[in-house]
Amino acid sequence: MKLSQLQAAVGGEMIGGDTEFIGAAYDSREAFPGCLFVCLPGERTDGHIFINSAAEKGAVAAICTHKTDTRIPYLLVNDSLAAFQAAARLYAKTLDIPTVAVTGSVGKTTTKEFIAAVLSRGFNVYKTEGNKNSTVGLPATILNMPSTSNACVFEMGMSGFGEISLLSGIAYPDIAVISNIGFSHIEFLGSRENIMKAKLEILDGMDEKGILILNGDDEYLSRIDPKSIRQRVIYYGIGNRNAEFRAEDILGADGQCSFFAETPAGVIDVTIPTEGVHNVYNALSAIAVGQILGIDNDNIKAGLLKFRNAPLRQNIYEMNSMTVIEDCYNASPDSVVAAVNVLRTKNGRKIAVLGDMLELGSHSEELHEMTGRQIHGADILIAFGDFAESYKKGAEKAGLKPSDIYTCKNTAEASDILSRIAARGDVILFKASRGMHAEEIIANLKNQAK
């Protein structure tokens, strides 16, 4: 894209002449030859400070909100983020490839990875990497898409109304998947009904030929009247007998799960290399996307077997003669219960190390206690953070003895407790919101054995 093309769409003043750029970066450390560098003002720093660092790494153009001393051409605008998003929107409009958007309270990233694994059997798939699912991350993802890609899977996150509408209006998805409606971000949205409304904004960038894929077992999504949606609605599920894509005879053990998927194109004997009923749902949505986009059943099976989870998300491995379930990228009531359900299936003494679930606002105490009531099956609970006592209160109601429940304030204290009680043969689940840094406890446990 040329800087002048972007100027034609968003206005502003072009300084230093016109130039062509390929891709974009908003962190100077990620700048690369030929890219556009977007100077974003922030609370802690200002991207304009790093424009020349980006130029040294090969950036050939920039978007700025004030005049800047730099050797590379730049577009001077009032809002650099809006111009960045406009650039991504302009590029997305030129794409003539299947675009899948994924959102939901829990499991967005895992669902995206399942879909990408299936589509990779018939397409050169481009997907959201890391946590670039925001109003800043998605534009960079789109603008950095290789020209060889012929299908894309984008993850869309949000914390309030309007964000997913904006993202959908940038990416123009052909297919949208909503995995579930949970409690994540209830602090900002107030209710699960509002969370569902915010998630349904994913339709805003879709035309009427689009397809919306929903979890038919979800308490809220299952209530949607398909006639109220101008796009075609497809349900997947386990208990919902009306779902077009349904799992039967689910068996899970030894790091994998098998089931029969009833689909419009016949029954598929599926095995996925991860455990938990929640991952069966994720796989079902990928099967639906795959069939819609023409992947045959044999390749769907092969793609699902190639699935690999993202770091810190339900990775199960042996360490120091103990089994570790590392699932500490993020946490909400639904995902904690799903993780404990996996823990429950393991042989050995079961220890749940649970940290705070963040962004629950005034519902925090209630939801931590509610989650604690559902961790029956664990033998020991170590809860850390501001709501450790709420976890404990619920766990006692679930039948755990007070002597088997430990509460503390931080990862250092949790590490100390775990080091004293952990033994060979234990199975230990680590689950908390990202900001709680539960992975530090795993690192400490590993170091103590050296």
Protein backbone atom coordinates (compact mmCIF):
# COMPACT_ATOMS: atom_id res chain seq x y z
CA MET A 1 0.00 0.00 0.00
CA LYS A 2 1.16 3.54 -0.67
CA LEU A 3 1.04 6.26 1.95
CA SER A 4 -1.00 8.35 -0.51
CA GLN A 5 -3.66 5.60 -0.66
CA LEU A 6 -4.02 5.75 3.10
CA GLN A 7 -4.16 9.54 2.99
CA ALA A 8 -7.00 9.35 0.46
CA ALA A 9 -8.99 7.26 2.94
CA VAL A 10 -8.28 9.08 6.21
CA GLY A 11 -7.04 12.54 5.26
CA GLY A 12 -4.13 14.12 7.03
CA GLU A 13 -0.92 15.66 5.73
CA MET A 14 1.75 13.63 3.97
CA ILE A 15 5.21 14.78 5.00
CA GLY A 16 8.42 13.67 3.27
CA GLY A 17 6.85 12.42 0.07
CA ASP A 18 4.97 9.30 -0.94
CA THR A 19 6.26 5.77 -0.45
CA GLU A 20 5.06 2.18 -0.48
CA PHE A 21 5.06 -0.02 2.58
CA ILE A 22 4.54 -3.73 3.27
CA GLY A 23 3.15 -4.71 6.64
CA ALA A 24 3.08 -2.70 9.83
CA ALA A 25 4.44 -2.51 13.38
CA TYR A 26 3.45 -0.46 16.41
CA ASP A 27 6.36 -1.65 18.58
CA SER A 28 9.77 -0.50 17.29
CA ARG A 29 11.28 -3.79 18.45
CA GLU A 30 9.05 -5.57 15.92
CA ALA A 31 9.79 -3.22 13.02
CA PHE A 32 11.13 -4.85 9.85
CA PRO A 33 12.38 -3.78 6.40
CA GLY A 34 9.66 -2.13 4.33
CA CYS A 35 7.10 -1.75 7.11
CA LEU A 36 4.84 1.07 8.22
CA PHE A 37 5.53 2.20 11.80
CA VAL A 38 2.50 3.41 13.73
CA CYS A 39 3.26 5.95 16.46
CA LEU A 40 0.66 5.28 19.16
CA PRO A 41 0.46 7.62 22.15
CA GLY A 42 0.25 5.68 25.41
CA GLU A 43 -0.08 6.15 29.14
CA ARG A 44 3.51 5.12 29.87
CA THR A 45 5.33 6.13 26.70
CA ASP A 46 4.81 7.55 23.22
CA GLY A 47 5.52 5.72 19.98
CA HIS A 48 6.90 8.91 18.42
CA ILE A 49 9.97 8.53 20.65
CA PHE A 50 10.85 5.30 18.86
CA ILE A 51 10.24 6.28 15.24
CA ASN A 52 13.94 6.51 14.41
CA SER A 53 14.64 3.16 16.09
CA ALA A 54 11.97 1.69 13.83
CA ALA A 55 13.56 3.41 10.82
CA GLU A 56 16.92 1.87 11.68
CA LYS A 57 15.25 -1.55 11.56
CA GLY A 58 13.88 -0.83 8.10
CA ALA A 59 10.58 1.01 8.56
CA VAL A 60 9.97 3.10 5.42
CA ALA A 61 6.91 5.12 6.50
CA ALA A 62 5.03 6.11 9.62
CA ILE A 63 1.74 7.40 10.97
CA CYS A 64 2.15 10.28 13.44
CA THR A 65 -0.08 12.64 15.39
CA HIS A 66 2.44 15.48 15.58
CA LYS A 67 5.39 16.67 13.54
CA THR A 68 8.43 14.51 14.12
CA ASP A 69 12.12 14.74 13.37
CA THR A 70 12.68 11.68 11.19
CA ARG A 71 14.15 10.80 7.80
CA ILE A 72 11.24 8.60 6.71
CA PRO A 73 7.99 9.91 5.17
CA TYR A 74 4.97 9.96 7.44
CA LEU A 75 1.25 10.72 7.43
CA LEU A 76 0.27 13.36 9.99
CA VAL A 77 -3.21 12.62 11.35
CA ASN A 78 -5.33 13.45 14.40
CA ASP A 79 -5.75 9.81 15.46
CA SER A 80 -2.96 7.36 14.60
CA LEU A 81 -4.89 4.33 15.86
CA ALA A 82 -7.90 5.15 13.69
CA ALA A 83 -5.60 5.58 10.67
CA PHE A 84 -3.91 2.26 11.49
CA GLN A 85 -7.30 0.55 11.61
CA ALA A 86 -8.29 2.22 8.34
CA ALA A 87 -5.16 0.87 6.65
CA ALA A 88 -6.09 -2.65 7.77
CA ARG A 89 -9.67 -2.15 6.60
CA LEU A 90 -8.46 -0.98 3.18
CA TYR A 91 -6.26 -4.05 2.82
CA ALA A 92 -8.92 -6.46 4.07
CA LYS A 93 -11.32 -5.16 1.40
CA THR A 94 -8.90 -6.29 -1.29
CA LEU A 95 -8.77 -9.87 -0.01
CA ASP A 96 -10.78 -12.53 -1.81
CA ILE A 97 -10.10 -15.39 0.60
CA PRO A 98 -12.20 -17.11 3.32
CA THR A 99 -12.02 -15.15 6.56
CA VAL A 100 -13.03 -16.74 9.87
CA ALA A 101 -13.48 -14.70 13.06
CA VAL A 102 -13.54 -16.31 16.50
CA THR A 103 -14.75 -14.86 19.77
CA GLY A 104 -16.23 -16.06 23.06
CA SER A 105 -15.69 -15.71 26.79
CA VAL A 106 -13.51 -18.80 27.07
CA GLY A 107 -11.44 -20.77 24.58
CA LYS A 108 -11.01 -18.22 21.78
CA THR A 109 -7.36 -19.01 21.20
CA THR A 110 -7.79 -22.77 21.42
CA THR A 111 -10.77 -22.66 19.06
CA LYS A 112 -8.75 -20.56 16.63
CA GLU A 113 -5.91 -23.08 16.75
CA PHE A 114 -8.29 -25.99 16.10
CA ILE A 115 -9.85 -24.20 13.13
CA ALA A 116 -6.46 -23.29 11.69
CA ALA A 117 -5.28 -26.91 12.09
CA VAL A 118 -8.29 -28.19 10.13
CA LEU A 119 -8.11 -25.54 7.41
CA SER A 120 -4.39 -26.15 6.96
CA ARG A 121 -5.34 -29.42 5.24
CA GLY A 122 -6.70 -27.46 2.30
CA PHE A 123 -5.41 -23.90 2.61
CA ASN A 124 -2.31 -21.88 3.35
CA VAL A 125 -3.73 -20.53 6.60
CA TYR A 126 -2.82 -17.25 8.28
CA LYS A 127 -3.93 -16.79 11.88
CA THR A 128 -3.76 -14.43 14.83
CA GLU A 129 -0.58 -15.00 16.80
CA GLY A 130 -0.13 -14.42 20.51
CA ASN A 131 -2.59 -11.98 22.04
CA LYS A 132 -2.97 -9.74 18.97
CA ASN A 133 -6.76 -9.91 19.05
CA SER A 134 -7.45 -6.30 20.06
CA THR A 135 -8.23 -3.01 18.33
CA VAL A 136 -4.45 -2.56 18.02
CA GLY A 137 -3.37 -6.17 17.47
CA LEU A 138 -5.88 -7.12 14.76
CA PRO A 139 -4.89 -4.31 12.34
CA ALA A 140 -1.24 -5.38 12.62
CA THR A 141 -2.24 -8.99 12.06
CA ILE A 142 -4.17 -8.13 8.90
CA LEU A 143 -1.50 -5.84 7.45
CA ASN A 144 1.21 -8.44 8.05
CA MET A 145 -0.60 -11.24 6.22
CA PRO A 146 1.70 -12.93 3.67
CA SER A 147 0.52 -12.64 0.07
CA THR A 148 0.66 -16.46 -0.18
CA SER A 149 -2.18 -16.89 2.37
CA ASN A 150 -5.48 -18.10 0.98
CA ALA A 151 -7.48 -18.40 4.22
CA CYS A 152 -7.29 -16.57 7.53
CA VAL A 153 -8.53 -17.14 11.07
CA PHE A 154 -8.72 -14.08 13.30
CA GLU A 155 -9.33 -14.04 17.04
CA MET A 156 -11.35 -11.13 18.40
CA GLY A 157 -11.24 -10.06 22.03
CA MET A 158 -13.02 -7.29 23.87
CA SER A 159 -13.63 -5.73 27.26
CA GLY A 160 -16.67 -3.58 26.45
CA PHE A 161 -19.32 -2.66 23.94
CA GLY A 162 -18.25 -1.53 20.48
CA GLU A 163 -14.87 -3.26 20.32
CA ILE A 164 -15.89 -6.41 18.47
CA SER A 165 -18.10 -4.32 16.16
CA LEU A 166 -15.00 -2.31 15.28
CA LEU A 167 -12.89 -5.45 14.75
CA SER A 168 -15.53 -7.11 12.61
CA GLY A 169 -15.79 -3.94 10.54
CA ILE A 170 -12.05 -4.13 9.89
CA ALA A 171 -11.79 -7.83 9.00
CA TYR A 172 -15.10 -8.48 7.16
CA PRO A 173 -15.45 -12.13 8.24
CA ASP A 174 -17.27 -14.67 6.09
CA ILE A 175 -17.70 -17.07 9.01
CA ALA A 176 -17.98 -16.15 12.69
CA VAL A 177 -17.69 -18.53 15.64
CA ILE A 178 -18.85 -17.71 19.18
CA SER A 179 -17.62 -20.36 21.60
CA ASN A 180 -19.62 -19.46 24.71
CA ILE A 181 -20.92 -16.71 26.97
CA GLY A 182 -19.26 -16.74 30.37
CA PHE A 183 -18.28 -14.22 33.02
CA SER A 184 -15.12 -12.70 31.51
CA HIS A 185 -15.29 -8.88 31.51
CA ILE A 186 -18.52 -8.85 33.52
CA GLU A 187 -16.86 -6.06 35.51
CA PHE A 188 -17.27 -3.77 32.50
CA LEU A 189 -20.46 -5.17 30.96
CA GLY A 190 -22.53 -5.88 34.06
CA SER A 191 -24.31 -9.07 32.99
CA ARG A 192 -23.96 -12.14 30.81
CA GLU A 193 -26.80 -10.84 28.65
CA ASN A 194 -24.69 -7.79 27.90
CA ILE A 195 -21.65 -9.98 27.28
CA MET A 196 -23.68 -11.89 24.66
CA LYS A 197 -24.77 -8.62 23.02
CA ALA A 198 -21.13 -7.52 22.84
CA LYS A 199 -20.05 -10.85 21.33
CA LEU A 200 -22.83 -10.72 18.72
CA GLU A 201 -21.28 -7.51 17.42
CA ILE A 202 -19.13 -9.91 15.40
CA LEU A 203 -21.98 -9.86 12.88
CA ASP A 204 -21.53 -6.14 12.20
CA GLY A 205 -18.83 -6.62 9.59
CA MET A 206 -20.50 -9.59 7.90
CA ASP A 207 -22.82 -9.46 4.92
CA GLU A 208 -25.98 -11.54 4.74
CA LYS A 209 -24.15 -14.38 2.98
CA GLY A 210 -22.07 -14.93 6.12
CA ILE A 211 -22.43 -17.88 8.48
CA LEU A 212 -22.63 -17.68 12.27
CA ILE A 213 -21.52 -20.81 14.17
CA LEU A 214 -22.70 -21.07 17.78
CA ASN A 215 -22.31 -23.42 20.74
CA GLY A 216 -25.78 -24.93 20.99
CA ASP A 217 -25.20 -26.12 24.55
CA ASP A 218 -24.42 -22.65 25.84
CA GLU A 219 -27.11 -21.32 28.15
CA TYR A 220 -27.28 -17.97 26.37
CA LEU A 221 -26.33 -18.74 22.76
CA SER A 222 -28.89 -21.54 22.57
CA ARG A 223 -31.67 -19.00 23.19
CA ILE A 224 -30.92 -17.07 20.02
CA ASP A 225 -33.69 -17.31 17.45
CA PRO A 226 -31.95 -17.99 14.10
CA LYS A 227 -34.74 -16.01 12.40
CA SER A 228 -33.54 -12.91 14.25
CA ILE A 229 -30.12 -13.19 12.54
CA ARG A 230 -29.83 -12.20 8.88
CA GLN A 231 -26.91 -14.61 8.42
CA ARG A 232 -27.27 -18.39 8.40
CA VAL A 233 -26.93 -19.85 11.92
CA ILE A 234 -25.32 -23.25 12.57
CA TYR A 235 -25.20 -24.89 15.99
CA TYR A 236 -22.74 -27.43 17.38
CA GLY A 237 -23.02 -29.23 20.70
CA ILE A 238 -23.13 -32.38 22.77
CA GLY A 239 -26.43 -32.30 24.63
CA ASN A 240 -28.37 -30.27 22.05
CA ARG A 241 -30.03 -32.88 19.85
CA ASN A 242 -30.90 -30.24 17.25
CA ALA A 243 -27.28 -29.23 16.68
CA GLU A 244 -26.05 -29.89 13.14
CA PHE A 245 -22.62 -30.87 14.48
CA ARG A 246 -22.77 -33.09 17.55
CA ALA A 247 -20.32 -35.22 19.56
CA GLU A 248 -21.21 -38.70 20.81
CA ASP A 249 -19.37 -41.35 22.87
CA ILE A 250 -16.69 -39.06 24.28
CA LEU A 251 -13.68 -40.78 25.86
CA GLY A 252 -10.67 -38.95 27.30
CA ALA A 253 -7.42 -40.23 28.77
CA ASP A 254 -3.63 -40.02 28.47
CA GLY A 255 -3.53 -36.59 26.91
CA GLN A 256 -6.11 -37.14 24.20
CA CYS A 257 -9.84 -37.36 23.62
CA SER A 258 -11.86 -39.38 21.12
CA PHE A 259 -15.48 -39.07 20.01
CA PHE A 260 -17.82 -39.57 17.09
CA ALA A 261 -18.83 -36.33 15.37
CA GLU A 262 -22.30 -36.48 13.80
CA THR A 263 -22.23 -34.01 10.89
CA PRO A 264 -24.27 -33.17 7.78
CA ALA A 265 -21.52 -34.91 5.77
CA GLY A 266 -21.57 -38.12 7.82
CA VAL A 267 -20.03 -39.46 11.02
CA ILE A 268 -16.36 -38.71 11.72
CA ASP A 269 -14.34 -40.84 14.14
CA VAL A 270 -12.30 -38.09 15.79
CA THR A 271 -9.25 -38.08 18.05
CA ILE A 272 -7.81 -34.83 19.38
CA PRO A 273 -4.41 -34.59 21.16
CA THR A 274 -5.79 -32.85 24.25
CA GLU A 275 -8.25 -33.58 27.02
CA GLY A 276 -11.49 -32.14 28.34
CA VAL A 277 -15.07 -31.83 27.15
CA HIS A 278 -14.43 -28.12 26.56
CA ASN A 279 -11.95 -29.11 23.86
CA VAL A 280 -14.55 -31.36 22.23
CA TYR A 281 -16.65 -28.23 21.76
CA ASN A 282 -13.67 -26.40 20.28
CA ALA A 283 -13.03 -29.26 17.87
CA LEU A 284 -16.69 -29.40 16.83
CA SER A 285 -16.60 -25.76 15.78
CA ALA A 286 -13.49 -26.49 13.71
CA ILE A 287 -15.23 -29.44 12.05
CA ALA A 288 -18.12 -27.14 11.13
CA VAL A 289 -15.80 -24.51 9.64
CA GLY A 290 -13.86 -27.18 7.78
CA GLN A 291 -16.92 -28.71 6.14
CA ILE A 292 -18.32 -25.30 5.19
CA LEU A 293 -15.04 -24.48 3.44
CA GLY A 294 -14.82 -27.80 1.63
CA ILE A 295 -12.38 -29.84 3.72
CA ASP A 296 -13.30 -33.53 3.46
CA ASN A 297 -13.75 -35.70 6.54
CA ASP A 298 -10.42 -37.53 6.24
CA ASN A 299 -8.53 -34.25 6.13
CA ILE A 300 -10.60 -32.86 8.99
CA LYS A 301 -9.53 -35.88 11.09
CA ALA A 302 -5.89 -35.40 10.10
CA GLY A 303 -6.03 -31.67 10.83
CA LEU A 304 -7.49 -32.18 14.31
CA LEU A 305 -4.69 -34.62 15.13
CA LYS A 306 -2.15 -31.90 14.21
CA PHE A 307 -3.64 -29.44 16.72
CA ARG A 308 -1.15 -27.96 19.16
CA ASN A 309 -2.23 -25.69 21.98
CA ALA A 310 -0.74 -22.24 22.51
CA PRO A 311 1.76 -21.74 25.37
CA LEU A 312 0.38 -21.74 28.94
CA ARG A 313 -2.94 -23.23 27.79
CA GLN A 314 -3.62 -26.74 29.09
CA ASN A 315 -0.21 -28.18 28.43
CA ILE A 316 0.17 -31.44 30.34
CA TYR A 317 3.64 -32.84 31.02
CA GLU A 318 5.78 -34.70 33.54
CA MET A 319 8.14 -32.78 35.81
CA ASN A 320 10.15 -34.16 38.72
CA SER A 321 7.99 -37.33 38.83
CA MET A 322 4.84 -35.23 39.04
CA THR A 323 2.24 -34.44 36.38
CA VAL A 324 1.80 -30.73 35.67
CA ILE A 325 -1.32 -29.27 34.06
CA GLU A 326 -0.11 -25.84 32.96
CA ASP A 327 -3.20 -23.79 32.15
CA CYS A 328 -2.38 -20.33 33.41
CA TYR A 329 -2.72 -18.00 30.44
CA ASN A 330 -6.07 -16.75 31.71
CA ALA A 331 -8.96 -17.73 33.93
CA SER A 332 -12.70 -17.31 34.34
CA PRO A 333 -15.23 -19.39 36.29
CA ASP A 334 -15.98 -21.55 33.26
CA SER A 335 -12.36 -22.19 32.34
CA VAL A 336 -11.33 -22.96 35.94
CA VAL A 337 -14.10 -25.54 36.24
CA ALA A 338 -13.11 -27.03 32.85
CA ALA A 339 -9.49 -27.30 34.03
CA VAL A 340 -10.51 -28.94 37.31
CA ASN A 341 -12.62 -31.41 35.33
CA VAL A 342 -9.43 -32.47 33.51
CA LEU A 343 -7.55 -32.70 36.83
CA ARG A 344 -10.32 -34.95 38.18
CA THR A 345 -9.64 -37.58 35.50
CA LYS A 346 -5.99 -38.08 36.51
CA ASN A 347 -4.53 -40.81 38.71
CA GLY A 348 -2.63 -39.66 41.78
CA ARG A 349 -3.12 -37.05 44.49
CA LYS A 350 -4.74 -34.04 42.85
CA ILE A 351 -3.59 -30.53 43.81
CA ALA A 352 -5.33 -27.45 42.40
CA VAL A 353 -3.24 -24.25 42.55
CA LEU A 354 -5.73 -21.49 41.76
CA GLY A 355 -5.13 -17.75 41.57
CA ASP A 356 -7.55 -14.86 41.25
CA MET A 357 -9.82 -14.53 38.23
CA LEU A 358 -9.56 -10.88 37.25
CA GLU A 359 -12.02 -8.40 35.70
CA LEU A 360 -15.04 -9.75 37.56
CA GLY A 361 -15.63 -6.46 39.41
CA SER A 362 -18.33 -6.45 42.08
CA HIS A 363 -19.10 -10.09 41.24
CA SER A 364 -15.61 -11.25 42.27
CA GLU A 365 -16.30 -12.69 45.73
CA GLU A 366 -19.49 -14.40 44.60
CA LEU A 367 -17.91 -15.94 41.48
CA HIS A 368 -14.76 -17.13 43.26
CA GLU A 369 -16.92 -18.84 45.86
CA MET A 370 -19.17 -20.30 43.16
CA THR A 371 -16.11 -21.67 41.36
CA GLY A 372 -14.74 -23.08 44.60
CA ARG A 373 -17.97 -25.04 45.06
CA GLN A 374 -17.26 -26.81 41.77
CA ILE A 375 -13.74 -28.05 42.45
CA HIS A 376 -14.81 -31.30 44.08
CA GLY A 377 -12.47 -34.00 42.90
CA ALA A 378 -9.34 -32.12 43.94
CA ASP A 379 -7.63 -33.47 47.04
CA ILE A 380 -5.82 -30.25 47.95
CA LEU A 381 -6.44 -26.61 47.09
CA ILE A 382 -3.82 -23.89 47.20
CA ALA A 383 -5.54 -20.56 46.53
CA PHE A 384 -3.59 -17.33 46.19
CA GLY A 385 -4.59 -13.72 45.65
CA ASP A 386 -7.17 -11.30 47.00
CA PHE A 387 -10.00 -13.82 46.64
CA ALA A 388 -8.27 -16.89 48.05
CA GLU A 389 -10.67 -16.95 51.02
CA SER A 390 -13.65 -16.93 48.65
CA TYR A 391 -12.22 -19.95 46.83
CA LYS A 392 -11.77 -21.61 50.24
CA LYS A 393 -15.34 -20.89 51.31
CA GLY A 394 -16.69 -22.53 48.18
CA ALA A 395 -14.27 -25.46 48.33
CA GLU A 396 -15.37 -26.28 51.88
CA LYS A 397 -18.95 -26.45 50.63
CA ALA A 398 -17.70 -28.82 47.90
CA GLY A 399 -16.47 -31.18 50.60
CA LEU A 400 -12.77 -30.35 50.90
CA LYS A 401 -11.47 -30.53 54.46
CA PRO A 402 -10.22 -27.21 55.88
CA SER A 403 -6.88 -28.93 56.56
CA ASP A 404 -6.52 -29.61 52.82
CA ILE A 405 -7.08 -25.98 51.83
CA TYR A 406 -4.25 -23.43 51.88
CA THR A 407 -4.74 -19.71 51.23
CA CYS A 408 -2.12 -17.05 50.66
CA LYS A 409 -1.61 -13.69 48.99
CA ASN A 410 0.93 -14.20 46.20
CA THR A 411 2.96 -16.60 44.06
CA ALA A 412 5.91 -16.59 46.46
CA GLU A 413 3.74 -17.83 49.33
CA ALA A 414 1.98 -20.33 47.07
CA SER A 415 5.38 -21.64 45.91
CA ASP A 416 6.48 -22.11 49.50
CA ILE A 417 3.34 -24.07 50.37
CA LEU A 418 3.57 -26.23 47.27
CA SER A 419 7.25 -27.02 47.84
CA ARG A 420 6.38 -28.33 51.32
CA ILE A 421 3.48 -30.56 50.30
CA ALA A 422 4.19 -31.70 46.71
CA ALA A 423 5.34 -35.31 46.33
CA ARG A 424 6.14 -37.87 43.65
CA GLY A 425 3.04 -39.03 41.80
CA ASP A 426 1.05 -35.83 42.44
CA VAL A 427 -0.96 -34.21 39.66
CA ILE A 428 -0.85 -30.42 39.96
CA LEU A 429 -3.11 -27.98 38.13
CA PHE A 430 -2.02 -24.35 37.79
CA LYS A 431 -4.83 -21.97 36.83
CA ALA A 432 -5.18 -18.20 37.24
CA SER A 433 -5.67 -15.02 35.28
CA ARG A 434 -2.61 -13.91 33.34
CA GLY A 435 -1.93 -11.01 35.68
CA MET A 436 -1.46 -13.42 38.60
CA HIS A 437 1.70 -14.98 37.03
CA ALA A 438 0.97 -18.56 38.09
CA GLU A 439 3.76 -19.74 35.79
CA GLU A 440 6.22 -18.38 38.37
CA ILE A 441 5.09 -21.10 40.78
CA ILE A 442 5.82 -23.74 38.13
CA ALA A 443 9.28 -22.26 37.55
CA ASN A 444 10.02 -22.27 41.28
CA LEU A 445 8.90 -25.89 41.59
CA LYS A 446 11.17 -26.84 38.70
CA ASN A 447 14.15 -25.00 40.18
CA GLN A 448 13.77 -26.59 43.61
CA ALA A 449 14.38 -30.02 42.13
CA LYS A 450 17.69 -29.01 40.53
